[in-house]
N, C-alpha and C. Protein backbone atom coordinates (compact mmCIF):
# COMPACT_ATOMS: atom_id res chain seq x y z
N MET A 1 111.92 121.13 100.14
CA MET A 1 112.15 120.13 101.19
C MET A 1 110.87 119.90 101.99
N SER A 2 110.70 118.73 102.55
CA SER A 2 109.54 118.43 103.36
C SER A 2 109.56 119.25 104.64
N THR A 3 108.40 119.73 105.01
CA THR A 3 108.30 120.47 106.27
C THR A 3 108.18 119.49 107.42
N PRO A 4 108.51 119.89 108.63
CA PRO A 4 108.33 119.00 109.78
C PRO A 4 106.89 118.51 109.91
N LYS A 5 105.94 119.38 109.60
CA LYS A 5 104.53 118.97 109.70
C LYS A 5 104.21 117.91 108.66
N ALA A 6 104.75 118.06 107.44
CA ALA A 6 104.53 117.07 106.39
C ALA A 6 105.10 115.73 106.80
N LYS A 7 106.27 115.74 107.42
CA LYS A 7 106.90 114.50 107.87
C LYS A 7 106.05 113.82 108.95
N ARG A 8 105.53 114.61 109.88
CA ARG A 8 104.71 114.05 110.94
C ARG A 8 103.43 113.44 110.36
N THR A 9 102.82 114.15 109.41
CA THR A 9 101.59 113.65 108.80
C THR A 9 101.83 112.36 108.04
N ARG A 10 102.91 112.33 107.27
CA ARG A 10 103.23 111.12 106.49
C ARG A 10 103.50 109.93 107.42
N GLN A 11 104.23 110.18 108.50
CA GLN A 11 104.50 109.11 109.46
C GLN A 11 103.21 108.62 110.08
N LYS A 12 102.31 109.53 110.41
CA LYS A 12 101.05 109.13 111.03
C LYS A 12 100.21 108.32 110.06
N ILE A 13 100.23 108.70 108.78
CA ILE A 13 99.49 107.94 107.76
C ILE A 13 100.02 106.52 107.69
N PHE A 14 101.34 106.36 107.72
CA PHE A 14 101.93 105.03 107.70
C PHE A 14 101.51 104.25 108.95
N ASP A 15 101.62 104.86 110.12
CA ASP A 15 101.31 104.19 111.38
C ASP A 15 99.85 103.73 111.42
N VAL A 16 98.95 104.61 111.01
CA VAL A 16 97.52 104.28 111.06
C VAL A 16 97.16 103.26 110.00
N THR A 17 97.76 103.37 108.82
CA THR A 17 97.53 102.37 107.78
C THR A 17 97.94 100.99 108.27
N GLN A 18 99.09 100.92 108.90
CA GLN A 18 99.56 99.65 109.44
C GLN A 18 98.60 99.11 110.48
N TYR A 19 98.11 99.98 111.35
CA TYR A 19 97.17 99.56 112.38
C TYR A 19 95.89 99.01 111.76
N ILE A 20 95.33 99.72 110.79
CA ILE A 20 94.07 99.28 110.17
C ILE A 20 94.25 97.94 109.48
N LEU A 21 95.30 97.82 108.67
CA LEU A 21 95.52 96.59 107.92
C LEU A 21 95.75 95.40 108.85
N SER A 22 96.54 95.58 109.89
CA SER A 22 96.92 94.46 110.73
C SER A 22 95.85 94.08 111.75
N ASN A 23 95.04 95.05 112.16
CA ASN A 23 94.05 94.78 113.21
C ASN A 23 92.61 94.71 112.72
N GLU A 24 92.32 95.42 111.63
CA GLU A 24 90.94 95.45 111.13
C GLU A 24 90.80 94.78 109.76
N GLY A 25 91.90 94.68 109.02
CA GLY A 25 91.86 94.04 107.72
C GLY A 25 91.79 95.03 106.57
N TYR A 26 92.18 94.55 105.40
CA TYR A 26 92.22 95.41 104.21
C TYR A 26 90.86 96.01 103.90
N ALA A 27 89.79 95.22 104.07
CA ALA A 27 88.45 95.70 103.73
C ALA A 27 88.04 96.91 104.57
N SER A 28 88.66 97.07 105.72
CA SER A 28 88.32 98.20 106.60
C SER A 28 89.06 99.48 106.23
N TRP A 29 90.10 99.35 105.39
CA TRP A 29 90.86 100.55 105.03
C TRP A 29 90.09 101.37 104.01
N SER A 30 89.96 102.65 104.27
CA SER A 30 89.39 103.62 103.31
C SER A 30 90.01 104.96 103.62
N GLU A 31 89.96 105.85 102.66
CA GLU A 31 90.52 107.19 102.90
C GLU A 31 89.79 107.88 104.03
N GLU A 32 88.46 107.69 104.07
CA GLU A 32 87.68 108.34 105.12
C GLU A 32 88.08 107.82 106.50
N HIS A 33 88.19 106.51 106.61
CA HIS A 33 88.56 105.91 107.90
C HIS A 33 89.97 106.31 108.30
N LEU A 34 90.88 106.27 107.35
CA LEU A 34 92.26 106.66 107.62
C LEU A 34 92.34 108.10 108.11
N CYS A 35 91.71 109.00 107.37
CA CYS A 35 91.80 110.42 107.73
C CYS A 35 91.13 110.72 109.07
N GLU A 36 90.08 109.96 109.38
CA GLU A 36 89.43 110.13 110.69
C GLU A 36 90.38 109.76 111.81
N LEU A 37 91.07 108.63 111.67
CA LEU A 37 92.01 108.21 112.71
C LEU A 37 93.26 109.08 112.74
N CYS A 38 93.68 109.56 111.57
CA CYS A 38 94.88 110.41 111.49
C CYS A 38 94.59 111.85 111.90
N GLN A 39 93.31 112.19 111.89
CA GLN A 39 92.89 113.57 112.14
C GLN A 39 93.55 114.52 111.13
N CYS A 40 93.48 114.10 109.86
CA CYS A 40 93.95 114.96 108.78
C CYS A 40 92.88 115.00 107.70
N THR A 41 92.97 115.97 106.82
CA THR A 41 91.99 116.10 105.74
C THR A 41 92.35 115.19 104.58
N ARG A 42 91.36 114.89 103.73
CA ARG A 42 91.64 114.09 102.55
C ARG A 42 92.55 114.86 101.60
N GLY A 43 92.46 116.19 101.65
CA GLY A 43 93.36 117.00 100.82
C GLY A 43 94.80 116.80 101.21
N ALA A 44 95.05 116.76 102.53
CA ALA A 44 96.42 116.53 103.01
C ALA A 44 96.90 115.14 102.62
N PHE A 45 95.99 114.16 102.72
CA PHE A 45 96.35 112.80 102.34
C PHE A 45 96.67 112.72 100.84
N ARG A 46 95.80 113.30 100.02
CA ARG A 46 95.98 113.20 98.57
C ARG A 46 97.17 114.03 98.08
N TYR A 47 97.54 115.04 98.83
CA TYR A 47 98.74 115.79 98.45
C TYR A 47 99.96 114.88 98.51
N GLN A 48 100.03 114.09 99.56
CA GLN A 48 101.18 113.20 99.72
C GLN A 48 101.06 111.95 98.86
N PHE A 49 99.83 111.50 98.64
CA PHE A 49 99.60 110.27 97.86
C PHE A 49 98.51 110.55 96.83
N PRO A 50 98.86 111.19 95.71
CA PRO A 50 97.88 111.64 94.72
C PRO A 50 96.96 110.53 94.21
N LYS A 51 97.47 109.30 94.08
CA LYS A 51 96.67 108.18 93.59
C LYS A 51 96.07 107.37 94.73
N GLY A 52 96.03 107.96 95.90
CA GLY A 52 95.42 107.28 97.03
C GLY A 52 96.18 106.02 97.42
N ARG A 53 95.43 104.93 97.60
CA ARG A 53 96.03 103.67 98.06
C ARG A 53 97.09 103.14 97.09
N TYR A 54 96.99 103.49 95.83
CA TYR A 54 97.94 102.97 94.85
C TYR A 54 99.29 103.69 94.90
N ASP A 55 99.34 104.79 95.61
CA ASP A 55 100.62 105.43 95.94
C ASP A 55 101.06 105.09 97.36
N LEU A 56 100.08 105.03 98.27
CA LEU A 56 100.40 104.81 99.68
C LEU A 56 100.94 103.40 99.94
N PHE A 57 100.25 102.38 99.46
CA PHE A 57 100.65 101.02 99.81
C PHE A 57 102.03 100.64 99.28
N PRO A 58 102.39 101.01 98.04
CA PRO A 58 103.77 100.73 97.61
C PRO A 58 104.81 101.46 98.46
N ALA A 59 104.52 102.71 98.82
CA ALA A 59 105.47 103.47 99.65
C ALA A 59 105.60 102.83 101.03
N TYR A 60 104.49 102.38 101.58
CA TYR A 60 104.53 101.73 102.88
C TYR A 60 105.33 100.43 102.82
N LEU A 61 105.06 99.60 101.82
CA LEU A 61 105.78 98.33 101.68
C LEU A 61 107.27 98.54 101.48
N GLU A 62 107.63 99.53 100.69
CA GLU A 62 109.04 99.84 100.46
C GLU A 62 109.72 100.18 101.78
N ALA A 63 109.03 100.93 102.62
CA ALA A 63 109.60 101.31 103.92
C ALA A 63 109.76 100.10 104.83
N VAL A 64 108.78 99.19 104.82
CA VAL A 64 108.85 97.98 105.65
C VAL A 64 110.03 97.12 105.23
N ILE A 65 110.15 96.88 103.92
CA ILE A 65 111.22 96.01 103.42
C ILE A 65 112.58 96.65 103.63
N ALA A 66 112.67 97.96 103.46
CA ALA A 66 113.95 98.65 103.70
C ALA A 66 114.36 98.52 105.16
N GLN A 67 113.38 98.61 106.06
CA GLN A 67 113.68 98.47 107.49
C GLN A 67 114.13 97.05 107.82
N ASP A 68 113.45 96.05 107.24
CA ASP A 68 113.83 94.66 107.49
C ASP A 68 115.23 94.38 106.95
N ALA A 69 115.52 94.91 105.76
CA ALA A 69 116.84 94.69 105.17
C ALA A 69 117.94 95.29 106.04
N LYS A 70 117.70 96.49 106.55
CA LYS A 70 118.68 97.14 107.42
C LYS A 70 118.88 96.35 108.71
N MET A 71 117.77 95.81 109.23
CA MET A 71 117.84 95.03 110.46
C MET A 71 118.69 93.78 110.28
N VAL A 72 118.46 93.06 109.17
CA VAL A 72 119.21 91.83 108.92
C VAL A 72 120.69 92.15 108.66
N GLU A 73 120.96 93.21 107.93
CA GLU A 73 122.34 93.59 107.64
C GLU A 73 123.11 93.91 108.92
N SER A 74 122.41 94.39 109.95
CA SER A 74 123.08 94.75 111.20
C SER A 74 123.62 93.51 111.93
N LEU A 75 123.16 92.33 111.54
CA LEU A 75 123.61 91.10 112.17
C LEU A 75 124.89 90.56 111.55
N GLY A 76 125.37 91.20 110.50
CA GLY A 76 126.58 90.74 109.83
C GLY A 76 126.28 89.76 108.73
N HIS A 77 127.31 89.13 108.19
CA HIS A 77 127.14 88.22 107.06
C HIS A 77 126.38 86.96 107.48
N LEU A 78 125.30 86.69 106.78
CA LEU A 78 124.49 85.49 107.02
C LEU A 78 124.04 84.94 105.68
N SER A 79 124.07 83.64 105.55
CA SER A 79 123.58 83.02 104.32
C SER A 79 122.05 83.15 104.26
N PRO A 80 121.44 83.03 103.08
CA PRO A 80 119.98 83.08 102.99
C PRO A 80 119.29 82.06 103.90
N THR A 81 119.84 80.84 103.96
CA THR A 81 119.24 79.83 104.82
C THR A 81 119.31 80.23 106.29
N SER A 82 120.45 80.76 106.71
CA SER A 82 120.60 81.20 108.10
C SER A 82 119.61 82.33 108.42
N ARG A 83 119.44 83.23 107.49
CA ARG A 83 118.49 84.33 107.71
C ARG A 83 117.08 83.78 107.92
N MET A 84 116.68 82.84 107.09
CA MET A 84 115.34 82.28 107.21
C MET A 84 115.16 81.56 108.54
N TYR A 85 116.15 80.76 108.93
CA TYR A 85 116.07 80.07 110.22
C TYR A 85 115.97 81.07 111.38
N LEU A 86 116.72 82.16 111.29
CA LEU A 86 116.67 83.15 112.37
C LEU A 86 115.31 83.81 112.48
N PHE A 87 114.68 84.09 111.33
CA PHE A 87 113.33 84.66 111.37
C PHE A 87 112.38 83.68 112.06
N LEU A 88 112.46 82.41 111.68
CA LEU A 88 111.59 81.41 112.28
C LEU A 88 111.84 81.27 113.78
N MET A 89 113.11 81.15 114.16
CA MET A 89 113.45 80.94 115.57
C MET A 89 113.10 82.15 116.43
N SER A 90 113.25 83.35 115.86
CA SER A 90 112.95 84.55 116.64
C SER A 90 111.46 84.72 116.88
N MET A 91 110.62 84.08 116.05
CA MET A 91 109.18 84.19 116.25
C MET A 91 108.72 83.51 117.53
N ARG A 92 109.56 82.66 118.10
CA ARG A 92 109.19 82.04 119.39
C ARG A 92 109.18 83.08 120.50
N SER A 93 109.98 84.12 120.36
CA SER A 93 110.05 85.16 121.38
C SER A 93 109.32 86.43 120.96
N ARG A 94 109.13 86.58 119.65
CA ARG A 94 108.45 87.78 119.16
C ARG A 94 107.48 87.38 118.05
N PRO A 95 106.18 87.33 118.35
CA PRO A 95 105.19 86.93 117.35
C PRO A 95 105.19 87.88 116.15
N PRO A 96 104.50 87.51 115.07
CA PRO A 96 104.45 88.37 113.88
C PRO A 96 104.06 89.80 114.24
N SER A 97 104.80 90.74 113.71
CA SER A 97 104.56 92.16 114.00
C SER A 97 103.37 92.69 113.21
N GLU A 98 102.93 93.89 113.57
CA GLU A 98 101.86 94.53 112.80
C GLU A 98 102.28 94.75 111.36
N ALA A 99 103.56 95.06 111.14
CA ALA A 99 104.05 95.28 109.79
C ALA A 99 103.94 93.99 108.97
N THR A 100 104.28 92.85 109.57
CA THR A 100 104.18 91.57 108.87
C THR A 100 102.73 91.27 108.52
N ARG A 101 101.83 91.49 109.46
CA ARG A 101 100.41 91.23 109.22
C ARG A 101 99.86 92.17 108.14
N ALA A 102 100.31 93.42 108.16
CA ALA A 102 99.86 94.38 107.14
C ALA A 102 100.33 93.97 105.75
N MET A 103 101.57 93.49 105.66
CA MET A 103 102.09 93.02 104.38
C MET A 103 101.28 91.83 103.86
N LEU A 104 100.92 90.91 104.74
CA LEU A 104 100.12 89.76 104.33
C LEU A 104 98.75 90.21 103.83
N GLU A 105 98.15 91.17 104.50
CA GLU A 105 96.85 91.69 104.07
C GLU A 105 96.95 92.28 102.66
N LEU A 106 97.99 93.05 102.41
CA LEU A 106 98.16 93.66 101.08
C LEU A 106 98.43 92.61 100.02
N SER A 107 99.22 91.61 100.37
CA SER A 107 99.53 90.54 99.42
C SER A 107 98.27 89.79 99.02
N MET A 108 97.41 89.49 99.97
CA MET A 108 96.17 88.78 99.67
C MET A 108 95.20 89.66 98.90
N ALA A 109 95.12 90.95 99.26
CA ALA A 109 94.21 91.86 98.59
C ALA A 109 94.58 92.05 97.13
N ALA A 110 95.88 92.03 96.84
CA ALA A 110 96.35 92.26 95.47
C ALA A 110 95.92 91.16 94.51
N ARG A 111 95.57 90.00 95.02
CA ARG A 111 95.13 88.91 94.16
C ARG A 111 93.85 89.28 93.42
N GLY A 112 93.03 90.16 94.01
CA GLY A 112 91.78 90.57 93.38
C GLY A 112 91.79 91.98 92.85
N ASP A 113 92.97 92.59 92.79
CA ASP A 113 93.09 93.98 92.34
C ASP A 113 94.34 94.10 91.47
N ALA A 114 94.14 94.05 90.16
CA ALA A 114 95.27 94.05 89.23
C ALA A 114 96.11 95.31 89.35
N ALA A 115 95.46 96.45 89.60
CA ALA A 115 96.20 97.71 89.71
C ALA A 115 97.08 97.70 90.95
N LEU A 116 96.57 97.17 92.05
CA LEU A 116 97.36 97.08 93.27
C LEU A 116 98.51 96.09 93.08
N LEU A 117 98.22 94.96 92.44
CA LEU A 117 99.26 93.96 92.20
C LEU A 117 100.41 94.54 91.39
N ALA A 118 100.08 95.33 90.38
CA ALA A 118 101.12 95.91 89.53
C ALA A 118 102.03 96.86 90.29
N THR A 119 101.49 97.51 91.32
CA THR A 119 102.30 98.48 92.06
C THR A 119 103.13 97.83 93.18
N ILE A 120 102.60 96.76 93.79
CA ILE A 120 103.31 96.21 94.95
C ILE A 120 104.12 94.96 94.62
N ASP A 121 103.80 94.25 93.54
CA ASP A 121 104.48 92.98 93.27
C ASP A 121 105.99 93.13 93.11
N PRO A 122 106.49 94.12 92.35
CA PRO A 122 107.95 94.26 92.24
C PRO A 122 108.62 94.52 93.59
N ILE A 123 107.94 95.27 94.46
CA ILE A 123 108.51 95.58 95.77
C ILE A 123 108.52 94.33 96.65
N MET A 124 107.43 93.58 96.63
CA MET A 124 107.37 92.35 97.42
C MET A 124 108.43 91.35 96.96
N ARG A 125 108.60 91.23 95.65
CA ARG A 125 109.60 90.29 95.13
C ARG A 125 111.02 90.71 95.49
N SER A 126 111.24 92.00 95.63
CA SER A 126 112.58 92.48 95.96
C SER A 126 113.02 92.05 97.35
N ALA A 127 112.07 91.65 98.20
CA ALA A 127 112.42 91.23 99.56
C ALA A 127 113.28 89.98 99.56
N ASN A 128 113.12 89.12 98.53
CA ASN A 128 113.94 87.91 98.47
C ASN A 128 115.42 88.25 98.47
N GLN A 129 115.79 89.25 97.69
CA GLN A 129 117.20 89.63 97.60
C GLN A 129 117.61 90.55 98.75
N ARG A 130 116.78 91.53 99.04
CA ARG A 130 117.15 92.56 100.00
C ARG A 130 117.13 92.07 101.45
N VAL A 131 116.17 91.22 101.79
CA VAL A 131 116.03 90.75 103.16
C VAL A 131 116.64 89.37 103.36
N LEU A 132 116.41 88.48 102.39
CA LEU A 132 116.88 87.10 102.54
C LEU A 132 118.20 86.83 101.83
N GLY A 133 118.64 87.76 100.97
CA GLY A 133 119.90 87.56 100.27
C GLY A 133 119.83 86.56 99.14
N LEU A 134 118.63 86.33 98.60
CA LEU A 134 118.44 85.35 97.53
C LEU A 134 118.53 86.02 96.17
N ALA A 135 119.27 85.39 95.27
CA ALA A 135 119.31 85.86 93.89
C ALA A 135 118.02 85.45 93.19
N GLU A 136 117.66 86.15 92.12
CA GLU A 136 116.44 85.86 91.38
C GLU A 136 116.44 84.41 90.91
N GLY A 137 115.39 83.69 91.29
CA GLY A 137 115.24 82.30 90.86
C GLY A 137 116.09 81.31 91.63
N ASP A 138 116.81 81.79 92.64
CA ASP A 138 117.73 80.91 93.38
C ASP A 138 117.08 80.44 94.69
N ILE A 139 115.96 79.74 94.56
CA ILE A 139 115.24 79.26 95.73
C ILE A 139 115.29 77.73 95.74
N THR A 140 116.00 77.19 96.69
CA THR A 140 116.14 75.74 96.82
C THR A 140 114.87 75.17 97.47
N PRO A 141 114.67 73.85 97.37
CA PRO A 141 113.53 73.24 98.06
C PRO A 141 113.53 73.54 99.56
N GLU A 142 114.72 73.57 100.18
CA GLU A 142 114.79 73.87 101.61
C GLU A 142 114.30 75.29 101.88
N MET A 143 114.74 76.25 101.06
CA MET A 143 114.32 77.64 101.26
C MET A 143 112.83 77.79 101.01
N ALA A 144 112.30 77.11 100.01
CA ALA A 144 110.87 77.18 99.71
C ALA A 144 110.06 76.62 100.88
N ALA A 145 110.53 75.52 101.46
CA ALA A 145 109.83 74.92 102.59
C ALA A 145 109.88 75.84 103.81
N LEU A 146 111.04 76.44 104.06
CA LEU A 146 111.16 77.35 105.21
C LEU A 146 110.28 78.58 105.02
N ARG A 147 110.18 79.06 103.79
CA ARG A 147 109.33 80.22 103.54
C ARG A 147 107.86 79.87 103.78
N CYS A 148 107.48 78.65 103.39
CA CYS A 148 106.10 78.22 103.65
C CYS A 148 105.83 78.16 105.15
N LEU A 149 106.80 77.67 105.92
CA LEU A 149 106.64 77.62 107.37
C LEU A 149 106.51 79.02 107.96
N LEU A 150 107.35 79.94 107.48
CA LEU A 150 107.32 81.31 108.00
C LEU A 150 106.00 81.99 107.67
N GLN A 151 105.53 81.82 106.43
CA GLN A 151 104.27 82.43 106.04
C GLN A 151 103.10 81.80 106.80
N GLY A 152 103.15 80.48 106.98
CA GLY A 152 102.08 79.81 107.72
C GLY A 152 102.03 80.26 109.16
N ALA A 153 103.18 80.39 109.79
CA ALA A 153 103.23 80.86 111.18
C ALA A 153 102.70 82.28 111.29
N SER A 154 103.02 83.10 110.30
CA SER A 154 102.53 84.48 110.30
C SER A 154 101.02 84.53 110.09
N MET A 155 100.51 83.69 109.18
CA MET A 155 99.08 83.65 108.91
C MET A 155 98.29 83.18 110.13
N TYR A 156 98.90 82.30 110.92
CA TYR A 156 98.22 81.81 112.12
C TYR A 156 97.87 82.94 113.07
N SER A 157 98.63 84.03 113.03
CA SER A 157 98.36 85.15 113.93
C SER A 157 97.01 85.81 113.67
N PHE A 158 96.37 85.48 112.52
CA PHE A 158 95.05 86.02 112.23
C PHE A 158 93.93 85.17 112.84
N ASP A 159 94.25 83.95 113.25
CA ASP A 159 93.23 83.05 113.79
C ASP A 159 92.67 83.56 115.12
N LYS A 160 91.41 83.25 115.35
CA LYS A 160 90.77 83.70 116.58
C LYS A 160 91.40 83.07 117.82
N ASP A 161 91.93 81.84 117.68
CA ASP A 161 92.50 81.17 118.84
C ASP A 161 93.99 81.42 118.99
N PHE A 162 94.52 82.38 118.23
CA PHE A 162 95.96 82.65 118.28
C PHE A 162 96.38 83.18 119.65
N THR A 163 97.48 82.62 120.13
CA THR A 163 98.18 83.19 121.30
C THR A 163 99.67 83.00 121.04
N PRO A 164 100.50 83.90 121.54
CA PRO A 164 101.96 83.73 121.38
C PRO A 164 102.45 82.40 121.94
N GLU A 165 101.82 81.94 123.02
CA GLU A 165 102.24 80.69 123.64
C GLU A 165 101.97 79.49 122.73
N LYS A 166 100.82 79.50 122.05
CA LYS A 166 100.51 78.40 121.13
C LYS A 166 101.46 78.42 119.94
N LEU A 167 101.74 79.60 119.43
CA LEU A 167 102.68 79.70 118.32
C LEU A 167 104.05 79.20 118.74
N ASN A 168 104.47 79.56 119.93
CA ASN A 168 105.77 79.12 120.45
C ASN A 168 105.84 77.60 120.50
N SER A 169 104.77 76.97 121.00
CA SER A 169 104.74 75.51 121.10
C SER A 169 104.81 74.86 119.72
N MET A 170 104.09 75.43 118.76
CA MET A 170 104.10 74.89 117.41
C MET A 170 105.49 74.98 116.79
N LEU A 171 106.12 76.14 116.97
CA LEU A 171 107.45 76.33 116.42
C LEU A 171 108.47 75.42 117.09
N ASP A 172 108.36 75.27 118.40
CA ASP A 172 109.27 74.36 119.12
C ASP A 172 109.17 72.95 118.54
N TRP A 173 107.94 72.53 118.24
CA TRP A 173 107.74 71.17 117.73
C TRP A 173 108.37 70.99 116.35
N ILE A 174 108.11 71.93 115.44
CA ILE A 174 108.61 71.76 114.07
C ILE A 174 110.11 71.99 113.97
N LEU A 175 110.64 72.90 114.77
CA LEU A 175 112.07 73.22 114.67
C LEU A 175 112.96 72.06 115.12
N GLN A 176 112.43 71.19 115.96
CA GLN A 176 113.25 70.07 116.42
C GLN A 176 113.57 69.08 115.30
N PHE A 177 112.79 69.15 114.20
CA PHE A 177 113.01 68.25 113.08
C PHE A 177 113.85 68.87 111.97
N LEU A 178 114.22 70.13 112.12
CA LEU A 178 114.93 70.84 111.06
C LEU A 178 116.44 70.87 111.32
N PRO A 179 117.22 70.86 110.24
CA PRO A 179 118.70 70.87 110.38
C PRO A 179 119.25 72.27 110.64
N ILE A 180 118.95 72.80 111.81
CA ILE A 180 119.37 74.16 112.14
C ILE A 180 120.86 74.18 112.46
N PRO A 181 121.61 75.04 111.78
CA PRO A 181 123.05 75.14 112.10
C PRO A 181 123.24 75.49 113.57
N PRO A 182 124.06 74.76 114.30
CA PRO A 182 124.24 74.98 115.75
C PRO A 182 124.61 76.41 116.11
N GLU A 183 125.41 77.06 115.27
CA GLU A 183 125.87 78.41 115.61
C GLU A 183 124.75 79.44 115.61
N LEU A 184 123.59 79.10 115.04
CA LEU A 184 122.50 80.07 114.97
C LEU A 184 121.77 80.24 116.29
N ALA A 185 121.86 79.25 117.15
CA ALA A 185 121.16 79.35 118.44
C ALA A 185 121.58 80.60 119.20
N ALA A 186 122.88 80.90 119.17
CA ALA A 186 123.39 82.08 119.89
C ALA A 186 123.00 83.38 119.21
N ARG A 187 122.63 83.30 117.92
CA ARG A 187 122.27 84.52 117.19
C ARG A 187 120.80 84.86 117.34
N THR A 188 120.00 83.92 117.83
CA THR A 188 118.56 84.15 117.92
C THR A 188 118.23 85.31 118.85
N THR A 189 118.90 85.37 120.01
CA THR A 189 118.67 86.46 120.96
C THR A 189 118.98 87.80 120.33
N GLU A 190 120.04 87.84 119.54
CA GLU A 190 120.42 89.08 118.86
C GLU A 190 119.36 89.47 117.84
N MET A 191 118.83 88.48 117.12
CA MET A 191 117.79 88.73 116.14
C MET A 191 116.54 89.30 116.80
N VAL A 192 116.15 88.72 117.94
CA VAL A 192 114.99 89.21 118.67
C VAL A 192 115.21 90.65 119.11
N ARG A 193 116.42 90.93 119.58
CA ARG A 193 116.73 92.28 120.05
C ARG A 193 116.60 93.31 118.94
N VAL A 194 117.18 93.04 117.78
CA VAL A 194 117.14 94.04 116.71
C VAL A 194 115.73 94.19 116.16
N ARG A 195 114.93 93.12 116.20
CA ARG A 195 113.54 93.23 115.76
C ARG A 195 112.75 94.12 116.70
N ARG A 196 113.01 93.98 118.00
CA ARG A 196 112.29 94.80 118.98
C ARG A 196 112.73 96.25 118.93
N GLU A 197 113.99 96.47 118.59
CA GLU A 197 114.52 97.84 118.57
C GLU A 197 114.27 98.55 117.24
N ALA A 198 113.68 97.84 116.29
CA ALA A 198 113.49 98.42 114.96
C ALA A 198 112.59 99.66 115.00
N GLY A 199 111.62 99.68 115.93
CA GLY A 199 110.73 100.84 116.02
C GLY A 199 109.69 100.86 114.92
N PRO A 200 108.89 101.93 114.85
CA PRO A 200 107.86 102.02 113.82
C PRO A 200 108.45 102.12 112.42
N VAL A 201 107.67 101.69 111.44
CA VAL A 201 108.10 101.78 110.05
C VAL A 201 108.31 103.25 109.71
N ASP A 202 109.50 103.57 109.20
CA ASP A 202 109.85 104.96 108.92
C ASP A 202 109.28 105.40 107.59
N ALA A 203 108.41 106.39 107.61
CA ALA A 203 107.82 106.91 106.38
C ALA A 203 108.89 107.60 105.54
N LEU A 204 108.92 107.28 104.27
CA LEU A 204 109.88 107.91 103.36
C LEU A 204 109.26 109.21 102.85
N ASN A 205 109.77 110.31 103.35
CA ASN A 205 109.14 111.61 103.06
C ASN A 205 109.49 112.12 101.67
N LYS A 206 108.44 112.41 100.91
CA LYS A 206 108.64 112.93 99.56
C LYS A 206 107.89 114.23 99.32
N SER A 207 106.93 114.53 100.19
CA SER A 207 106.15 115.75 99.98
C SER A 207 106.88 116.96 100.53
N ASP A 208 106.57 118.10 99.98
CA ASP A 208 107.21 119.34 100.41
C ASP A 208 106.31 120.21 101.26
N ALA A 209 105.07 119.81 101.35
CA ALA A 209 104.13 120.62 102.11
C ALA A 209 103.07 119.70 102.66
N ASP A 210 102.29 120.26 103.56
CA ASP A 210 101.25 119.49 104.20
C ASP A 210 100.00 120.34 104.32
N PRO A 211 99.24 120.49 103.24
CA PRO A 211 98.09 121.37 103.26
C PRO A 211 97.00 120.84 104.18
N GLU A 212 96.26 121.71 104.73
CA GLU A 212 95.12 121.33 105.58
C GLU A 212 93.91 121.09 104.71
């Protein structure tokens, strides 16, 4: 079984990885930089993730998507379209999280790294079903358009001139033209609440020890 120290180390690795990816970018992530910020040895890191980033990043993404899926399920039955609208509408009160920015960084980095793509692509694709409730290949033009809006709004958070207020204004403008189901307005506050209460991404502990 994992020791308490191993669990703490794994959680810290996840937290620091998320911080580096979302605030400094994929190019800034390295084992040396990670271990310096985590205050752990490379031996401890490699014990938990023998293949380095190719073990860590899939595990991190799996944890993020599992957390998002649990969050959406807590809202009760919602159609895929309703889920997408709620994500968009909730961004007016809660800008893209560090986890969202980290996922975008990994997605873009995988375009130039076949080994990374092979490890994270199945996990990223699973989000359609697990988070949005979409069956494989069941993406309507409306859902595709909403996903483009959501990804674009999230990408804007990387811009130098980004502010939550500007994002809010942009979303207010575009949402007025969309056929949002009236009943979703009352659910937006609930969506914002569960997103804020989600807490840090929970590391999925698999190691049994935490060597120094």
